[in-house]
mmCIF file of all heavy atoms, coordinates in Angstrom:
data_MODEL
# 
_entry.id   MODEL 
# 
loop_
_atom_site.group_PDB 
_atom_site.id 
_atom_site.type_symbol 
_atom_site.label_atom_id 
_atom_site.label_alt_id 
_atom_site.label_comp_id 
_atom_site.label_asym_id 
_atom_site.label_entity_id 
_atom_site.label_seq_id 
_atom_site.pdbx_PDB_ins_code 
_atom_site.Cartn_x 
_atom_site.Cartn_y 
_atom_site.Cartn_z 
_atom_site.occupancy 
_atom_site.B_iso_or_equiv 
_atom_site.pdbx_formal_charge 
_atom_site.auth_seq_id 
_atom_site.auth_comp_id 
_atom_site.auth_asym_id 
_atom_site.auth_atom_id 
_atom_site.pdbx_PDB_model_num 
ATOM 1   N N   . PHE A 1 1  ? -16.725 129.620 26.139 1.00 0.00 ? 1  PHE A N   1 
ATOM 2   C CA  . PHE A 1 1  ? -15.798 130.546 25.494 1.00 0.00 ? 1  PHE A CA  1 
ATOM 3   C C   . PHE A 1 1  ? -14.477 129.835 25.213 1.00 0.00 ? 1  PHE A C   1 
ATOM 4   O O   . PHE A 1 1  ? -13.945 129.156 26.093 1.00 0.00 ? 1  PHE A O   1 
ATOM 5   C CB  . PHE A 1 1  ? -15.560 131.774 26.373 1.00 0.00 ? 1  PHE A CB  1 
ATOM 6   C CG  . PHE A 1 1  ? -16.798 132.599 26.546 1.00 0.00 ? 1  PHE A CG  1 
ATOM 7   C CD1 . PHE A 1 1  ? -17.676 132.345 27.591 1.00 0.00 ? 1  PHE A CD1 1 
ATOM 8   C CD2 . PHE A 1 1  ? -17.106 133.611 25.654 1.00 0.00 ? 1  PHE A CD2 1 
ATOM 9   C CE1 . PHE A 1 1  ? -18.834 133.086 27.746 1.00 0.00 ? 1  PHE A CE1 1 
ATOM 10  C CE2 . PHE A 1 1  ? -18.260 134.362 25.808 1.00 0.00 ? 1  PHE A CE2 1 
ATOM 11  C CZ  . PHE A 1 1  ? -19.123 134.098 26.857 1.00 0.00 ? 1  PHE A CZ  1 
ATOM 12  N N   . TYR A 1 2  ? -13.979 129.970 23.996 1.00 0.00 ? 2  TYR A N   1 
ATOM 13  C CA  . TYR A 1 2  ? -12.733 129.340 23.580 1.00 0.00 ? 2  TYR A CA  1 
ATOM 14  C C   . TYR A 1 2  ? -11.694 130.413 23.273 1.00 0.00 ? 2  TYR A C   1 
ATOM 15  O O   . TYR A 1 2  ? -11.987 131.404 22.608 1.00 0.00 ? 2  TYR A O   1 
ATOM 16  C CB  . TYR A 1 2  ? -12.945 128.489 22.333 1.00 0.00 ? 2  TYR A CB  1 
ATOM 17  C CG  . TYR A 1 2  ? -13.812 127.280 22.585 1.00 0.00 ? 2  TYR A CG  1 
ATOM 18  C CD1 . TYR A 1 2  ? -15.201 127.359 22.454 1.00 0.00 ? 2  TYR A CD1 1 
ATOM 19  C CD2 . TYR A 1 2  ? -13.253 126.069 22.953 1.00 0.00 ? 2  TYR A CD2 1 
ATOM 20  C CE1 . TYR A 1 2  ? -15.990 126.249 22.685 1.00 0.00 ? 2  TYR A CE1 1 
ATOM 21  C CE2 . TYR A 1 2  ? -14.041 124.959 23.195 1.00 0.00 ? 2  TYR A CE2 1 
ATOM 22  C CZ  . TYR A 1 2  ? -15.412 125.050 23.060 1.00 0.00 ? 2  TYR A CZ  1 
ATOM 23  O OH  . TYR A 1 2  ? -16.200 123.965 23.297 1.00 0.00 ? 2  TYR A OH  1 
ATOM 24  N N   . ASP A 1 3  ? -10.467 130.192 23.734 1.00 0.00 ? 3  ASP A N   1 
ATOM 25  C CA  . ASP A 1 3  ? -9.352  131.083 23.428 1.00 0.00 ? 3  ASP A CA  1 
ATOM 26  C C   . ASP A 1 3  ? -8.838  130.795 22.018 1.00 0.00 ? 3  ASP A C   1 
ATOM 27  O O   . ASP A 1 3  ? -9.074  129.703 21.481 1.00 0.00 ? 3  ASP A O   1 
ATOM 28  C CB  . ASP A 1 3  ? -8.217  130.873 24.424 1.00 0.00 ? 3  ASP A CB  1 
ATOM 29  C CG  . ASP A 1 3  ? -8.564  131.355 25.820 1.00 0.00 ? 3  ASP A CG  1 
ATOM 30  O OD1 . ASP A 1 3  ? -9.315  132.339 25.938 1.00 0.00 ? 3  ASP A OD1 1 
ATOM 31  O OD2 . ASP A 1 3  ? -8.082  130.750 26.791 1.00 0.00 ? 3  ASP A OD2 1 
ATOM 32  N N   . PRO A 1 4  ? -8.104  131.747 21.431 1.00 0.00 ? 4  PRO A N   1 
ATOM 33  C CA  . PRO A 1 4  ? -7.506  131.489 20.125 1.00 0.00 ? 4  PRO A CA  1 
ATOM 34  C C   . PRO A 1 4  ? -6.539  130.301 20.205 1.00 0.00 ? 4  PRO A C   1 
ATOM 35  O O   . PRO A 1 4  ? -5.931  130.047 21.243 1.00 0.00 ? 4  PRO A O   1 
ATOM 36  C CB  . PRO A 1 4  ? -6.743  132.779 19.813 1.00 0.00 ? 4  PRO A CB  1 
ATOM 37  C CG  . PRO A 1 4  ? -7.391  133.817 20.661 1.00 0.00 ? 4  PRO A CG  1 
ATOM 38  C CD  . PRO A 1 4  ? -7.848  133.109 21.897 1.00 0.00 ? 4  PRO A CD  1 
ATOM 39  N N   . ALA A 1 5  ? -6.404  129.577 19.096 1.00 0.00 ? 5  ALA A N   1 
ATOM 40  C CA  . ALA A 1 5  ? -5.505  128.423 19.037 1.00 0.00 ? 5  ALA A CA  1 
ATOM 41  C C   . ALA A 1 5  ? -5.009  128.229 17.616 1.00 0.00 ? 5  ALA A C   1 
ATOM 42  O O   . ALA A 1 5  ? -5.697  128.583 16.655 1.00 0.00 ? 5  ALA A O   1 
ATOM 43  C CB  . ALA A 1 5  ? -6.229  127.167 19.497 1.00 0.00 ? 5  ALA A CB  1 
ATOM 44  N N   . ILE A 1 6  ? -3.822  127.648 17.490 1.00 0.00 ? 6  ILE A N   1 
ATOM 45  C CA  . ILE A 1 6  ? -3.319  127.260 16.174 1.00 0.00 ? 6  ILE A CA  1 
ATOM 46  C C   . ILE A 1 6  ? -3.936  125.910 15.834 1.00 0.00 ? 6  ILE A C   1 
ATOM 47  O O   . ILE A 1 6  ? -3.910  124.983 16.638 1.00 0.00 ? 6  ILE A O   1 
ATOM 48  C CB  . ILE A 1 6  ? -1.786  127.170 16.165 1.00 0.00 ? 6  ILE A CB  1 
ATOM 49  C CG1 . ILE A 1 6  ? -1.176  128.562 16.404 1.00 0.00 ? 6  ILE A CG1 1 
ATOM 50  C CG2 . ILE A 1 6  ? -1.286  126.597 14.831 1.00 0.00 ? 6  ILE A CG2 1 
ATOM 51  C CD1 . ILE A 1 6  ? 0.336   128.561 16.525 1.00 0.00 ? 6  ILE A CD1 1 
ATOM 52  N N   . CYS A 1 7  ? -4.517  125.810 14.657 1.00 0.00 ? 7  CYS A N   1 
ATOM 53  C CA  . CYS A 1 7  ? -5.156  124.582 14.189 1.00 0.00 ? 7  CYS A CA  1 
ATOM 54  C C   . CYS A 1 7  ? -4.476  124.118 12.910 1.00 0.00 ? 7  CYS A C   1 
ATOM 55  O O   . CYS A 1 7  ? -3.853  124.908 12.210 1.00 0.00 ? 7  CYS A O   1 
ATOM 56  C CB  . CYS A 1 7  ? -6.633  124.825 13.909 1.00 0.00 ? 7  CYS A CB  1 
ATOM 57  S SG  . CYS A 1 7  ? -7.553  125.361 15.353 1.00 0.00 ? 7  CYS A SG  1 
ATOM 58  N N   . MET A 1 8  ? -4.624  122.831 12.610 1.00 0.00 ? 8  MET A N   1 
ATOM 59  C CA  . MET A 1 8  ? -4.057  122.270 11.387 1.00 0.00 ? 8  MET A CA  1 
ATOM 60  C C   . MET A 1 8  ? -5.160  121.665 10.532 1.00 0.00 ? 8  MET A C   1 
ATOM 61  O O   . MET A 1 8  ? -6.056  120.991 11.050 1.00 0.00 ? 8  MET A O   1 
ATOM 62  C CB  . MET A 1 8  ? -3.046  121.182 11.701 1.00 0.00 ? 8  MET A CB  1 
ATOM 63  C CG  . MET A 1 8  ? -2.556  120.437 10.463 1.00 0.00 ? 8  MET A CG  1 
ATOM 64  S SD  . MET A 1 8  ? -1.423  119.098 10.831 1.00 0.00 ? 8  MET A SD  1 
ATOM 65  C CE  . MET A 1 8  ? 0.109   119.999 10.674 1.00 0.00 ? 8  MET A CE  1 
ATOM 66  N N   . TYR A 1 9  ? -5.076  121.919 9.240  1.00 0.00 ? 9  TYR A N   1 
ATOM 67  C CA  . TYR A 1 9  ? -5.883  121.188 8.277  1.00 0.00 ? 9  TYR A CA  1 
ATOM 68  C C   . TYR A 1 9  ? -5.033  119.995 7.873  1.00 0.00 ? 9  TYR A C   1 
ATOM 69  O O   . TYR A 1 9  ? -3.929  120.148 7.345  1.00 0.00 ? 9  TYR A O   1 
ATOM 70  C CB  . TYR A 1 9  ? -6.246  122.052 7.073  1.00 0.00 ? 9  TYR A CB  1 
ATOM 71  C CG  . TYR A 1 9  ? -7.138  121.325 6.100  1.00 0.00 ? 9  TYR A CG  1 
ATOM 72  C CD1 . TYR A 1 9  ? -8.478  121.132 6.385  1.00 0.00 ? 9  TYR A CD1 1 
ATOM 73  C CD2 . TYR A 1 9  ? -6.628  120.798 4.927  1.00 0.00 ? 9  TYR A CD2 1 
ATOM 74  C CE1 . TYR A 1 9  ? -9.308  120.445 5.509  1.00 0.00 ? 9  TYR A CE1 1 
ATOM 75  C CE2 . TYR A 1 9  ? -7.438  120.111 4.042  1.00 0.00 ? 9  TYR A CE2 1 
ATOM 76  C CZ  . TYR A 1 9  ? -8.777  119.936 4.351  1.00 0.00 ? 9  TYR A CZ  1 
ATOM 77  O OH  . TYR A 1 9  ? -9.588  119.241 3.492  1.00 0.00 ? 9  TYR A OH  1 
ATOM 78  N N   . THR A 1 10 ? -5.516  118.785 8.136  1.00 0.00 ? 10 THR A N   1 
ATOM 79  C CA  . THR A 1 10 ? -4.714  117.580 7.984  1.00 0.00 ? 10 THR A CA  1 
ATOM 80  C C   . THR A 1 10 ? -4.806  116.984 6.583  1.00 0.00 ? 10 THR A C   1 
ATOM 81  O O   . THR A 1 10 ? -5.690  117.337 5.792  1.00 0.00 ? 10 THR A O   1 
ATOM 82  C CB  . THR A 1 10 ? -5.166  116.503 8.996  1.00 0.00 ? 10 THR A CB  1 
ATOM 83  O OG1 . THR A 1 10 ? -6.469  116.034 8.618  1.00 0.00 ? 10 THR A OG1 1 
ATOM 84  C CG2 . THR A 1 10 ? -5.202  117.052 10.413 1.00 0.00 ? 10 THR A CG2 1 
ATOM 85  N N   . ALA A 1 11 ? -3.926  116.035 6.319  1.00 0.00 ? 11 ALA A N   1 
ATOM 86  C CA  . ALA A 1 11 ? -3.926  115.327 5.037  1.00 0.00 ? 11 ALA A CA  1 
ATOM 87  C C   . ALA A 1 11 ? -5.195  114.494 4.872  1.00 0.00 ? 11 ALA A C   1 
ATOM 88  O O   . ALA A 1 11 ? -5.564  114.145 3.752  1.00 0.00 ? 11 ALA A O   1 
ATOM 89  C CB  . ALA A 1 11 ? -2.696  114.439 4.928  1.00 0.00 ? 11 ALA A CB  1 
ATOM 90  N N   . GLN A 1 12 ? -5.878  114.176 5.973  1.00 0.00 ? 12 GLN A N   1 
ATOM 91  C CA  . GLN A 1 12 ? -7.128  113.418 5.921  1.00 0.00 ? 12 GLN A CA  1 
ATOM 92  C C   . GLN A 1 12 ? -8.351  114.306 5.697  1.00 0.00 ? 12 GLN A C   1 
ATOM 93  O O   . GLN A 1 12 ? -9.480  113.827 5.667  1.00 0.00 ? 12 GLN A O   1 
ATOM 94  C CB  . GLN A 1 12 ? -7.319  112.617 7.219  1.00 0.00 ? 12 GLN A CB  1 
ATOM 95  C CG  . GLN A 1 12 ? -6.311  111.505 7.428  1.00 0.00 ? 12 GLN A CG  1 
ATOM 96  C CD  . GLN A 1 12 ? -4.938  112.028 7.835  1.00 0.00 ? 12 GLN A CD  1 
ATOM 97  O OE1 . GLN A 1 12 ? -4.819  113.038 8.526  1.00 0.00 ? 12 GLN A OE1 1 
ATOM 98  N NE2 . GLN A 1 12 ? -3.895  111.357 7.382  1.00 0.00 ? 12 GLN A NE2 1 
ATOM 99  N N   . GLY A 1 13 ? -8.126  115.617 5.597  1.00 0.00 ? 13 GLY A N   1 
ATOM 100 C CA  . GLY A 1 13 ? -9.225  116.540 5.325  1.00 0.00 ? 13 GLY A CA  1 
ATOM 101 C C   . GLY A 1 13 ? -10.006 116.950 6.559  1.00 0.00 ? 13 GLY A C   1 
ATOM 102 O O   . GLY A 1 13 ? -11.154 117.372 6.438  1.00 0.00 ? 13 GLY A O   1 
ATOM 103 N N   . THR A 1 14 ? -9.391  116.849 7.736  1.00 0.00 ? 14 THR A N   1 
ATOM 104 C CA  . THR A 1 14 ? -10.043 117.272 8.975  1.00 0.00 ? 14 THR A CA  1 
ATOM 105 C C   . THR A 1 14 ? -9.281  118.436 9.587  1.00 0.00 ? 14 THR A C   1 
ATOM 106 O O   . THR A 1 14 ? -8.137  118.705 9.221  1.00 0.00 ? 14 THR A O   1 
ATOM 107 C CB  . THR A 1 14 ? -10.101 116.113 9.994  1.00 0.00 ? 14 THR A CB  1 
ATOM 108 O OG1 . THR A 1 14 ? -8.765  115.713 10.320 1.00 0.00 ? 14 THR A OG1 1 
ATOM 109 C CG2 . THR A 1 14 ? -10.878 114.930 9.439  1.00 0.00 ? 14 THR A CG2 1 
ATOM 110 N N   . HIS A 1 15 ? -9.908  119.104 10.527 1.00 0.00 ? 15 HIS A N   1 
ATOM 111 C CA  . HIS A 1 15 ? -9.276  120.216 11.234 1.00 0.00 ? 15 HIS A CA  1 
ATOM 112 C C   . HIS A 1 15 ? -8.904  119.747 12.634 1.00 0.00 ? 15 HIS A C   1 
ATOM 113 O O   . HIS A 1 15 ? -9.762  119.281 13.383 1.00 0.00 ? 15 HIS A O   1 
ATOM 114 C CB  . HIS A 1 15 ? -10.226 121.417 11.323 1.00 0.00 ? 15 HIS A CB  1 
ATOM 115 C CG  . HIS A 1 15 ? -10.545 121.977 9.979  1.00 0.00 ? 15 HIS A CG  1 
ATOM 116 N ND1 . HIS A 1 15 ? -9.853  123.019 9.428  1.00 0.00 ? 15 HIS A ND1 1 
ATOM 117 C CD2 . HIS A 1 15 ? -11.476 121.610 9.069  1.00 0.00 ? 15 HIS A CD2 1 
ATOM 118 C CE1 . HIS A 1 15 ? -10.352 123.290 8.235  1.00 0.00 ? 15 HIS A CE1 1 
ATOM 119 N NE2 . HIS A 1 15 ? -11.334 122.448 7.990  1.00 0.00 ? 15 HIS A NE2 1 
ATOM 120 N N   . GLN A 1 16 ? -7.629  119.876 12.969 1.00 0.00 ? 16 GLN A N   1 
ATOM 121 C CA  . GLN A 1 16 ? -7.141  119.479 14.282 1.00 0.00 ? 16 GLN A CA  1 
ATOM 122 C C   . GLN A 1 16 ? -6.926  120.756 15.093 1.00 0.00 ? 16 GLN A C   1 
ATOM 123 O O   . GLN A 1 16 ? -6.086  121.583 14.758 1.00 0.00 ? 16 GLN A O   1 
ATOM 124 C CB  . GLN A 1 16 ? -5.831  118.709 14.159 1.00 0.00 ? 16 GLN A CB  1 
ATOM 125 C CG  . GLN A 1 16 ? -5.229  118.339 15.487 1.00 0.00 ? 16 GLN A CG  1 
ATOM 126 C CD  . GLN A 1 16 ? -3.857  117.699 15.336 1.00 0.00 ? 16 GLN A CD  1 
ATOM 127 O OE1 . GLN A 1 16 ? -3.231  117.771 14.283 1.00 0.00 ? 16 GLN A OE1 1 
ATOM 128 N NE2 . GLN A 1 16 ? -3.389  117.090 16.392 1.00 0.00 ? 16 GLN A NE2 1 
ATOM 129 N N   . SER A 1 17 ? -7.708  120.914 16.155 1.00 0.00 ? 17 SER A N   1 
ATOM 130 C CA  . SER A 1 17 ? -7.554  122.117 16.980 1.00 0.00 ? 17 SER A CA  1 
ATOM 131 C C   . SER A 1 17 ? -6.431  121.914 17.985 1.00 0.00 ? 17 SER A C   1 
ATOM 132 O O   . SER A 1 17 ? -6.131  120.796 18.396 1.00 0.00 ? 17 SER A O   1 
ATOM 133 C CB  . SER A 1 17 ? -8.862  122.436 17.705 1.00 0.00 ? 17 SER A CB  1 
ATOM 134 O OG  . SER A 1 17 ? -9.218  121.357 18.539 1.00 0.00 ? 17 SER A OG  1 
ATOM 135 N N   . GLY A 1 18 ? -5.803  122.998 18.369 1.00 0.00 ? 18 GLY A N   1 
ATOM 136 C CA  . GLY A 1 18 ? -4.748  122.933 19.368 1.00 0.00 ? 18 GLY A CA  1 
ATOM 137 C C   . GLY A 1 18 ? -3.485  122.251 18.863 1.00 0.00 ? 18 GLY A C   1 
ATOM 138 O O   . GLY A 1 18 ? -2.808  121.554 19.599 1.00 0.00 ? 18 GLY A O   1 
ATOM 139 N N   . TRP A 1 19 ? -3.129  122.454 17.600 1.00 0.00 ? 19 TRP A N   1 
ATOM 140 C CA  . TRP A 1 19 ? -1.901  121.881 17.044 1.00 0.00 ? 19 TRP A CA  1 
ATOM 141 C C   . TRP A 1 19 ? -0.703  122.431 17.798 1.00 0.00 ? 19 TRP A C   1 
ATOM 142 O O   . TRP A 1 19 ? -0.643  123.611 18.128 1.00 0.00 ? 19 TRP A O   1 
ATOM 143 C CB  . TRP A 1 19 ? -1.798  122.238 15.555 1.00 0.00 ? 19 TRP A CB  1 
ATOM 144 C CG  . TRP A 1 19 ? -0.522  121.785 14.908 1.00 0.00 ? 19 TRP A CG  1 
ATOM 145 C CD1 . TRP A 1 19 ? -0.260  120.551 14.416 1.00 0.00 ? 19 TRP A CD1 1 
ATOM 146 C CD2 . TRP A 1 19 ? 0.655   122.567 14.673 1.00 0.00 ? 19 TRP A CD2 1 
ATOM 147 N NE1 . TRP A 1 19 ? 1.011   120.501 13.891 1.00 0.00 ? 19 TRP A NE1 1 
ATOM 148 C CE2 . TRP A 1 19 ? 1.599   121.737 14.052 1.00 0.00 ? 19 TRP A CE2 1 
ATOM 149 C CE3 . TRP A 1 19 ? 1.008   123.892 14.943 1.00 0.00 ? 19 TRP A CE3 1 
ATOM 150 C CZ2 . TRP A 1 19 ? 2.862   122.178 13.673 1.00 0.00 ? 19 TRP A CZ2 1 
ATOM 151 C CZ3 . TRP A 1 19 ? 2.260   124.332 14.585 1.00 0.00 ? 19 TRP A CZ3 1 
ATOM 152 C CH2 . TRP A 1 19 ? 3.168   123.483 13.952 1.00 0.00 ? 19 TRP A CH2 1 
ATOM 153 N N   . LEU A 1 20 ? 0.258   121.557 18.100 1.00 0.00 ? 20 LEU A N   1 
ATOM 154 C CA  . LEU A 1 20 ? 1.483   121.965 18.785 1.00 0.00 ? 20 LEU A CA  1 
ATOM 155 C C   . LEU A 1 20 ? 2.680   121.744 17.873 1.00 0.00 ? 20 LEU A C   1 
ATOM 156 O O   . LEU A 1 20 ? 2.812   120.677 17.263 1.00 0.00 ? 20 LEU A O   1 
ATOM 157 C CB  . LEU A 1 20 ? 1.670   121.167 20.075 1.00 0.00 ? 20 LEU A CB  1 
ATOM 158 C CG  . LEU A 1 20 ? 0.607   121.383 21.138 1.00 0.00 ? 20 LEU A CG  1 
ATOM 159 C CD1 . LEU A 1 20 ? 0.836   120.437 22.309 1.00 0.00 ? 20 LEU A CD1 1 
ATOM 160 C CD2 . LEU A 1 20 ? 0.611   122.829 21.606 1.00 0.00 ? 20 LEU A CD2 1 
ATOM 161 N N   . ALA A 1 21 ? 3.552   122.724 17.799 1.00 0.00 ? 21 ALA A N   1 
ATOM 162 C CA  . ALA A 1 21 ? 4.749   122.628 16.978 1.00 0.00 ? 21 ALA A CA  1 
ATOM 163 C C   . ALA A 1 21 ? 5.788   121.754 17.672 1.00 0.00 ? 21 ALA A C   1 
ATOM 164 O O   . ALA A 1 21 ? 5.970   121.826 18.886 1.00 0.00 ? 21 ALA A O   1 
ATOM 165 C CB  . ALA A 1 21 ? 5.334   124.020 16.747 1.00 0.00 ? 21 ALA A CB  1 
ATOM 166 N N   . SER A 1 22 ? 6.481   120.936 16.889 1.00 0.00 ? 22 SER A N   1 
ATOM 167 C CA  . SER A 1 22 ? 7.610   120.169 17.403 1.00 0.00 ? 22 SER A CA  1 
ATOM 168 C C   . SER A 1 22 ? 8.834   121.089 17.457 1.00 0.00 ? 22 SER A C   1 
ATOM 169 O O   . SER A 1 22 ? 8.821   122.204 16.911 1.00 0.00 ? 22 SER A O   1 
ATOM 170 C CB  . SER A 1 22 ? 7.899   118.981 16.493 1.00 0.00 ? 22 SER A CB  1 
ATOM 171 O OG  . SER A 1 22 ? 8.398   119.446 15.244 1.00 0.00 ? 22 SER A OG  1 
ATOM 172 N N   . GLN A 1 23 ? 9.900   120.616 18.078 1.00 0.00 ? 23 GLN A N   1 
ATOM 173 C CA  . GLN A 1 23 ? 11.138  121.399 18.083 1.00 0.00 ? 23 GLN A CA  1 
ATOM 174 C C   . GLN A 1 23 ? 11.628  121.612 16.660 1.00 0.00 ? 23 GLN A C   1 
ATOM 175 O O   . GLN A 1 23 ? 12.101  122.698 16.318 1.00 0.00 ? 23 GLN A O   1 
ATOM 176 C CB  . GLN A 1 23 ? 12.205  120.712 18.925 1.00 0.00 ? 23 GLN A CB  1 
ATOM 177 C CG  . GLN A 1 23 ? 11.917  120.783 20.403 1.00 0.00 ? 23 GLN A CG  1 
ATOM 178 C CD  . GLN A 1 23 ? 13.061  120.239 21.227 1.00 0.00 ? 23 GLN A CD  1 
ATOM 179 O OE1 . GLN A 1 23 ? 14.206  120.187 20.780 1.00 0.00 ? 23 GLN A OE1 1 
ATOM 180 N NE2 . GLN A 1 23 ? 12.757  119.844 22.445 1.00 0.00 ? 23 GLN A NE2 1 
ATOM 181 N N   . ALA A 1 24 ? 11.488  120.583 15.832 1.00 0.00 ? 24 ALA A N   1 
ATOM 182 C CA  . ALA A 1 24 ? 11.903  120.713 14.433 1.00 0.00 ? 24 ALA A CA  1 
ATOM 183 C C   . ALA A 1 24 ? 11.090  121.796 13.728 1.00 0.00 ? 24 ALA A C   1 
ATOM 184 O O   . ALA A 1 24 ? 11.639  122.587 12.959 1.00 0.00 ? 24 ALA A O   1 
ATOM 185 C CB  . ALA A 1 24 ? 11.757  119.374 13.713 1.00 0.00 ? 24 ALA A CB  1 
ATOM 186 N N   . ASP A 1 25 ? 9.766   121.844 13.989 1.00 0.00 ? 25 ASP A N   1 
ATOM 187 C CA  . ASP A 1 25 ? 8.919   122.878 13.387 1.00 0.00 ? 25 ASP A CA  1 
ATOM 188 C C   . ASP A 1 25 ? 9.354   124.270 13.848 1.00 0.00 ? 25 ASP A C   1 
ATOM 189 O O   . ASP A 1 25 ? 9.416   125.204 13.049 1.00 0.00 ? 25 ASP A O   1 
ATOM 190 C CB  . ASP A 1 25 ? 7.451   122.667 13.763 1.00 0.00 ? 25 ASP A CB  1 
ATOM 191 C CG  . ASP A 1 25 ? 6.838   121.436 13.133 1.00 0.00 ? 25 ASP A CG  1 
ATOM 192 O OD1 . ASP A 1 25 ? 7.210   121.090 11.995 1.00 0.00 ? 25 ASP A OD1 1 
ATOM 193 O OD2 . ASP A 1 25 ? 5.964   120.820 13.782 1.00 0.00 ? 25 ASP A OD2 1 
ATOM 194 N N   . MET A 1 26 ? 9.633   124.403 15.137 1.00 0.00 ? 26 MET A N   1 
ATOM 195 C CA  . MET A 1 26 ? 9.992   125.718 15.683 1.00 0.00 ? 26 MET A CA  1 
ATOM 196 C C   . MET A 1 26 ? 11.340  126.223 15.178 1.00 0.00 ? 26 MET A C   1 
ATOM 197 O O   . MET A 1 26 ? 11.548  127.429 15.060 1.00 0.00 ? 26 MET A O   1 
ATOM 198 C CB  . MET A 1 26 ? 10.008  125.667 17.211 1.00 0.00 ? 26 MET A CB  1 
ATOM 199 C CG  . MET A 1 26 ? 8.631   125.541 17.818 1.00 0.00 ? 26 MET A CG  1 
ATOM 200 S SD  . MET A 1 26 ? 8.654   125.639 19.601 1.00 0.00 ? 26 MET A SD  1 
ATOM 201 C CE  . MET A 1 26 ? 8.927   123.933 20.038 1.00 0.00 ? 26 MET A CE  1 
ATOM 202 N N   . LEU A 1 27 ? 12.258  125.302 14.868 1.00 0.00 ? 27 LEU A N   1 
ATOM 203 C CA  . LEU A 1 27 ? 13.599  125.704 14.425 1.00 0.00 ? 27 LEU A CA  1 
ATOM 204 C C   . LEU A 1 27 ? 13.748  125.738 12.910 1.00 0.00 ? 27 LEU A C   1 
ATOM 205 O O   . LEU A 1 27 ? 14.772  126.173 12.398 1.00 0.00 ? 27 LEU A O   1 
ATOM 206 C CB  . LEU A 1 27 ? 14.642  124.761 15.030 1.00 0.00 ? 27 LEU A CB  1 
ATOM 207 C CG  . LEU A 1 27 ? 14.734  124.811 16.553 1.00 0.00 ? 27 LEU A CG  1 
ATOM 208 C CD1 . LEU A 1 27 ? 15.656  123.711 17.062 1.00 0.00 ? 27 LEU A CD1 1 
ATOM 209 C CD2 . LEU A 1 27 ? 15.192  126.169 17.027 1.00 0.00 ? 27 LEU A CD2 1 
ATOM 210 N N   . ALA A 1 28 ? 12.734  125.317 12.190 1.00 0.00 ? 28 ALA A N   1 
ATOM 211 C CA  . ALA A 1 28 ? 12.804  125.238 10.725 1.00 0.00 ? 28 ALA A CA  1 
ATOM 212 C C   . ALA A 1 28 ? 12.751  126.615 10.075 1.00 0.00 ? 28 ALA A C   1 
ATOM 213 O O   . ALA A 1 28 ? 12.137  127.548 10.593 1.00 0.00 ? 28 ALA A O   1 
ATOM 214 C CB  . ALA A 1 28 ? 11.659  124.384 10.195 1.00 0.00 ? 28 ALA A CB  1 
# 
């Protein structure tokens, strides 16, 4: 069983699970 997570679709065309926001991302 997997919990919900934020994922990113990358510039390389892959899906990165468990993406974490940087401080810059959070304050943008």
